[in-house]
């Protein structure tokens, strides 16, 4: 009678090499990891490419809307970008433009923070934005005294604005009233009025003797309203800060539409 082999195995039964089962499981795990890593890599590449595509399309839309000579810098925030692309809404977008002009007025260092930017998925795919809607925007820009004074000259006012410290400016120049030229200067305050900067003079200083009616006319001529038309997203001016070289302004907007 044939005796059973070791561990009760019948003679002639092969014994799997030691570690064969473990090696098989290792290969399965390695394959699964490779699939997961490859999938993640593809998703990362797709996320990166879609982010670049959306940023480029938004930059082109802003440039077309503003007529900026330079392509704006657009940064779309968010960790999982593909979800924003698919739903067609971007939570946080930053836009930077070196300078913007509208007619005779130029603004510099324009920075906008946009919340809720609507750009349909179809538009990103075909690389053509028909319309971009912004739920809310906060915008900062710099208006230098040189650019402000050039605007005043272009609009026919022989006036110069410069810093007077303590949040005020000085307005000086020559004004024609009642048939005569009058040289005048005045400290003035700044205030936001809608989408414009309002410059209001205080006490007038002049070497010319004036009656009350002439003083009123002179004060009216030194009262300035400068519309900040170049701002692409700001509809309401919220703050003005004077600096040594110009005005730092901030504006907000809601429901802003950029149409191609």
Protein backbone atom coordinates (compact mmCIF):
# COMPACT_ATOMS: atom_id res chain seq x y z
CA UNK A 1 0.00 0.00 0.00
CA UNK A 2 1.27 3.43 -0.93
CA UNK A 3 1.85 5.71 2.03
CA UNK A 4 0.57 9.30 1.94
CA UNK A 5 3.19 11.96 1.30
CA UNK A 6 4.12 14.77 3.62
CA UNK A 7 1.26 16.73 5.16
CA UNK A 8 -1.22 14.10 3.94
CA UNK A 9 -0.63 14.75 0.22
CA UNK A 10 -0.89 11.80 -2.18
CA UNK A 11 2.32 10.82 -3.92
CA UNK A 12 2.89 12.69 -7.17
CA UNK A 13 0.90 15.75 -6.10
CA UNK A 14 2.93 18.89 -6.92
CA UNK A 15 3.53 21.43 -4.19
CA UNK A 16 3.34 25.13 -5.26
CA UNK A 17 6.67 26.87 -4.85
CA UNK A 18 6.95 28.87 -1.67
CA UNK A 19 5.67 32.45 -2.14
CA UNK A 20 3.85 31.80 -5.44
CA UNK A 21 0.50 32.92 -4.02
CA UNK A 22 2.04 36.08 -2.54
CA UNK A 23 3.70 36.95 -5.85
CA UNK A 24 0.38 36.63 -7.62
CA UNK A 25 -1.31 38.92 -5.17
CA UNK A 26 1.58 41.41 -5.44
CA UNK A 27 1.19 41.54 -9.21
CA UNK A 28 -2.53 42.16 -8.84
CA UNK A 29 -1.95 44.97 -6.33
CA UNK A 30 0.76 46.48 -8.52
CA UNK A 31 -1.55 46.39 -11.54
CA UNK A 32 -4.36 48.01 -9.57
CA UNK A 33 -2.02 50.72 -8.31
CA UNK A 34 -0.78 51.34 -11.84
CA UNK A 35 -4.35 51.77 -13.06
CA UNK A 36 -5.19 54.15 -10.20
CA UNK A 37 -2.00 56.20 -10.67
CA UNK A 38 -2.52 56.33 -14.44
CA UNK A 39 -6.11 57.45 -14.00
CA UNK A 40 -5.10 60.14 -11.53
CA UNK A 41 -2.35 61.32 -13.88
CA UNK A 42 -4.83 61.57 -16.76
CA UNK A 43 -7.28 63.49 -14.56
CA UNK A 44 -4.50 65.84 -13.46
CA UNK A 45 -3.48 66.51 -17.07
CA UNK A 46 -7.13 67.04 -18.08
CA UNK A 47 -7.63 69.37 -15.10
CA UNK A 48 -4.50 71.35 -15.95
CA UNK A 49 -5.35 71.65 -19.65
CA UNK A 50 -8.94 72.67 -18.97
CA UNK A 51 -7.74 75.30 -16.47
CA UNK A 52 -5.34 76.76 -19.03
CA UNK A 53 -8.05 76.74 -21.68
CA UNK A 54 -10.63 78.48 -19.49
CA UNK A 55 -8.11 81.08 -18.26
CA UNK A 56 -7.04 81.85 -21.82
CA UNK A 57 -10.65 82.19 -22.98
CA UNK A 58 -11.55 84.49 -20.10
CA UNK A 59 -8.45 86.60 -20.73
CA UNK A 60 -9.45 87.00 -24.36
CA UNK A 61 -13.00 87.98 -23.39
CA UNK A 62 -11.75 90.64 -20.96
CA UNK A 63 -9.31 91.98 -23.56
CA UNK A 64 -12.06 92.18 -26.19
CA UNK A 65 -14.38 93.95 -23.75
CA UNK A 66 -11.83 96.50 -22.55
CA UNK A 67 -9.69 96.97 -25.65
CA UNK A 68 -6.57 96.44 -23.56
CA UNK A 69 -3.39 96.44 -25.69
CA UNK A 70 -2.00 93.67 -23.48
CA UNK A 71 -3.60 90.31 -22.75
CA UNK A 72 -4.84 90.35 -19.13
CA UNK A 73 -3.48 87.86 -16.63
CA UNK A 74 -6.29 85.54 -15.43
CA UNK A 75 -6.01 83.06 -12.56
CA UNK A 76 -8.87 80.68 -11.75
CA UNK A 77 -8.70 79.27 -8.24
CA UNK A 78 -9.94 75.91 -7.02
CA UNK A 79 -8.41 72.47 -6.39
CA UNK A 80 -10.77 70.27 -8.45
CA UNK A 81 -11.07 72.39 -11.55
CA UNK A 82 -12.91 69.95 -13.83
CA UNK A 83 -16.03 70.22 -11.68
CA UNK A 84 -16.09 73.98 -12.21
CA UNK A 85 -15.63 73.54 -15.96
CA UNK A 86 -18.46 71.04 -16.26
CA UNK A 87 -20.94 73.12 -14.29
CA UNK A 88 -19.85 76.30 -16.12
CA UNK A 89 -19.33 78.38 -12.99
CA UNK A 90 -15.97 79.43 -11.51
CA UNK A 91 -15.99 80.36 -7.83
CA UNK A 92 -12.97 82.70 -7.64
CA UNK A 93 -11.15 84.39 -10.53
CA UNK A 94 -8.42 87.03 -10.33
CA UNK A 95 -7.77 89.39 -13.25
CA UNK A 96 -4.75 91.70 -13.57
CA UNK A 97 -4.37 94.32 -16.30
CA UNK A 98 -1.29 96.61 -16.46
CA UNK A 99 -3.25 99.56 -17.84
CA UNK A 100 -6.62 100.46 -19.34
CA UNK A 101 -7.80 103.47 -21.28
CA UNK A 102 -11.18 104.84 -22.23
CA UNK A 103 -10.95 107.99 -24.30
CA UNK A 104 -8.56 110.41 -22.59
CA UNK A 105 -8.53 108.66 -19.20
CA UNK A 106 -6.00 105.96 -18.34
CA UNK A 107 -5.91 103.69 -15.28
CA UNK A 108 -2.95 101.59 -14.20
CA UNK A 109 -2.44 98.40 -12.18
CA UNK A 110 -6.04 97.22 -12.44
CA UNK A 111 -6.73 94.18 -10.24
CA UNK A 112 -10.14 92.52 -10.04
CA UNK A 113 -11.39 89.69 -7.82
CA UNK A 114 -14.42 88.01 -9.34
CA UNK A 115 -16.83 85.70 -7.55
CA UNK A 116 -19.17 83.45 -9.51
CA UNK A 117 -17.97 83.69 -13.11
CA UNK A 118 -20.38 81.97 -15.51
CA UNK A 119 -18.78 80.53 -18.64
CA UNK A 120 -20.63 77.58 -20.23
CA UNK A 121 -18.80 74.28 -20.72
CA UNK A 122 -19.69 74.37 -24.43
CA UNK A 123 -17.91 77.71 -24.86
CA UNK A 124 -14.73 76.32 -23.30
CA UNK A 125 -14.85 73.31 -25.64
CA UNK A 126 -15.29 75.39 -28.80
CA UNK A 127 -12.93 78.14 -27.56
CA UNK A 128 -15.50 80.87 -28.10
CA UNK A 129 -17.13 82.77 -25.24
CA UNK A 130 -20.44 84.22 -26.36
CA UNK A 131 -21.14 85.84 -23.00
CA UNK A 132 -19.48 85.91 -19.58
CA UNK A 133 -21.54 86.84 -16.52
CA UNK A 134 -19.92 87.81 -13.20
CA UNK A 135 -22.03 87.59 -10.04
CA UNK A 136 -19.87 89.98 -8.02
CA UNK A 137 -16.62 91.87 -8.60
CA UNK A 138 -14.25 93.90 -6.44
CA UNK A 139 -11.78 96.03 -8.36
CA UNK A 140 -8.73 98.15 -7.51
CA UNK A 141 -6.95 100.58 -9.82
CA UNK A 142 -4.46 103.44 -9.73
CA UNK A 143 -5.08 106.85 -11.30
CA UNK A 144 -1.90 108.90 -11.37
CA UNK A 145 -1.99 112.68 -11.10
CA UNK A 146 -0.24 112.86 -14.47
CA UNK A 147 -3.03 110.85 -16.12
CA UNK A 148 -5.71 112.83 -14.28
CA UNK A 149 -4.18 116.15 -15.37
CA UNK A 150 -3.89 114.96 -18.95
CA UNK A 151 -7.60 114.09 -18.83
CA UNK A 152 -8.42 117.58 -17.53
CA UNK A 153 -6.40 119.23 -20.29
CA UNK A 154 -8.06 117.05 -22.92
CA UNK A 155 -11.50 118.05 -21.63
CA UNK A 156 -10.62 121.75 -21.86
CA UNK A 157 -9.83 122.56 -18.24
CA UNK A 158 -6.55 124.37 -17.47
CA UNK A 159 -6.27 122.80 -14.03
CA UNK A 160 -3.69 120.68 -12.22
CA UNK A 161 -4.36 118.28 -9.34
CA UNK A 162 -1.63 117.24 -6.91
CA UNK A 163 -1.38 115.77 -3.44
CA UNK A 164 -1.89 118.08 -0.46
CA UNK A 165 -1.52 115.37 2.19
CA UNK A 166 -4.07 114.29 4.81
CA UNK A 167 -6.37 112.75 2.22
CA UNK A 168 -6.73 115.99 0.26
CA UNK A 169 -5.54 117.35 -3.05
CA UNK A 170 -4.73 120.83 -4.30
CA UNK A 171 -6.32 122.13 -7.48
CA UNK A 172 -4.53 124.98 -9.24
CA UNK A 173 -4.94 126.63 -12.59
CA UNK A 174 -6.48 129.38 -14.66
CA UNK A 175 -10.23 129.73 -15.05
CA UNK A 176 -12.12 132.12 -17.30
CA UNK A 177 -15.13 133.72 -15.62
CA UNK A 178 -17.19 136.72 -16.69
CA UNK A 179 -14.83 137.50 -19.54
CA UNK A 180 -11.54 137.45 -17.61
CA UNK A 181 -8.84 134.94 -16.72
CA UNK A 182 -8.42 134.22 -13.01
CA UNK A 183 -5.53 132.28 -11.48
CA UNK A 184 -6.73 130.23 -8.53
CA UNK A 185 -5.82 127.42 -6.16
CA UNK A 186 -7.82 125.52 -3.58
CA UNK A 187 -7.48 122.52 -1.29
CA UNK A 188 -10.09 119.97 -2.28
CA UNK A 189 -11.68 116.83 -0.89
CA UNK A 190 -12.35 113.64 -2.80
CA UNK A 191 -15.50 111.53 -2.66
CA UNK A 192 -17.03 108.59 -4.51
CA UNK A 193 -20.11 109.50 -6.51
CA UNK A 194 -21.54 106.57 -8.42
CA UNK A 195 -18.84 105.40 -10.81
CA UNK A 196 -16.95 108.72 -10.63
CA UNK A 197 -14.45 110.61 -8.49
CA UNK A 198 -15.89 113.90 -7.24
CA UNK A 199 -13.39 116.69 -6.48
CA UNK A 200 -14.87 119.47 -4.33
CA UNK A 201 -12.81 122.62 -3.60
CA UNK A 202 -12.72 124.32 -0.22
CA UNK A 203 -11.57 127.87 0.35
CA UNK A 204 -10.38 129.58 -2.83
CA UNK A 205 -7.04 131.42 -3.05
CA UNK A 206 -6.60 134.05 -5.74
CA UNK A 207 -4.88 137.41 -6.21
CA UNK A 208 -7.88 138.75 -8.08
CA UNK A 209 -10.59 140.66 -6.25
CA UNK A 210 -13.88 138.83 -6.71
CA UNK A 211 -17.46 139.55 -5.82
CA UNK A 212 -19.69 136.86 -4.37
CA UNK A 213 -21.13 135.81 -7.72
CA UNK A 214 -17.64 135.40 -9.21
CA UNK A 215 -16.53 133.31 -6.23
CA UNK A 216 -19.49 130.97 -6.71
CA UNK A 217 -18.74 130.61 -10.43
CA UNK A 218 -15.07 130.00 -9.68
CA UNK A 219 -15.91 127.31 -7.15
CA UNK A 220 -18.19 125.60 -9.68
CA UNK A 221 -15.41 125.60 -12.28
CA UNK A 222 -13.08 123.87 -9.80
CA UNK A 223 -15.68 121.24 -8.89
CA UNK A 224 -14.73 118.17 -10.92
CA UNK A 225 -16.40 114.86 -11.70
CA UNK A 226 -14.10 112.25 -13.24
CA UNK A 227 -15.89 109.10 -14.50
CA UNK A 228 -13.79 105.94 -14.23
CA UNK A 229 -15.05 104.48 -17.49
CA UNK A 230 -12.08 102.17 -18.11
CA UNK A 231 -13.01 99.91 -15.17
CA UNK A 232 -14.44 96.74 -16.77
CA UNK A 233 -16.20 95.31 -13.69
CA UNK A 234 -16.73 98.20 -11.28
CA UNK A 235 -20.13 99.85 -11.33
CA UNK A 236 -19.98 101.62 -7.99
CA UNK A 237 -16.94 103.41 -6.59
CA UNK A 238 -16.52 102.50 -2.92
CA UNK A 239 -13.27 104.12 -1.77
CA UNK A 240 -10.61 106.63 -2.82
CA UNK A 241 -7.21 106.93 -1.19
CA UNK A 242 -4.75 109.68 -2.03
CA UNK A 243 -1.06 108.88 -2.37
CA UNK A 244 1.94 110.97 -3.27
CA UNK A 245 1.64 110.14 -6.96
CA UNK A 246 -2.05 109.54 -7.52
CA UNK A 247 -5.34 108.05 -6.40
CA UNK A 248 -5.91 104.44 -5.38
CA UNK A 249 -9.55 103.63 -6.08
CA UNK A 250 -11.78 100.64 -5.39
CA UNK A 251 -15.08 99.74 -6.99
CA UNK A 252 -17.61 96.92 -6.87
CA UNK A 253 -20.02 95.50 -9.39
CA UNK A 254 -22.80 92.90 -9.50
CA UNK A 255 -24.29 91.08 -12.44
CA UNK A 256 -21.54 92.28 -14.78
CA UNK A 257 -21.88 91.00 -18.36
CA UNK A 258 -18.99 90.70 -20.82
CA UNK A 259 -20.39 90.14 -24.31
CA UNK A 260 -18.32 89.11 -27.30
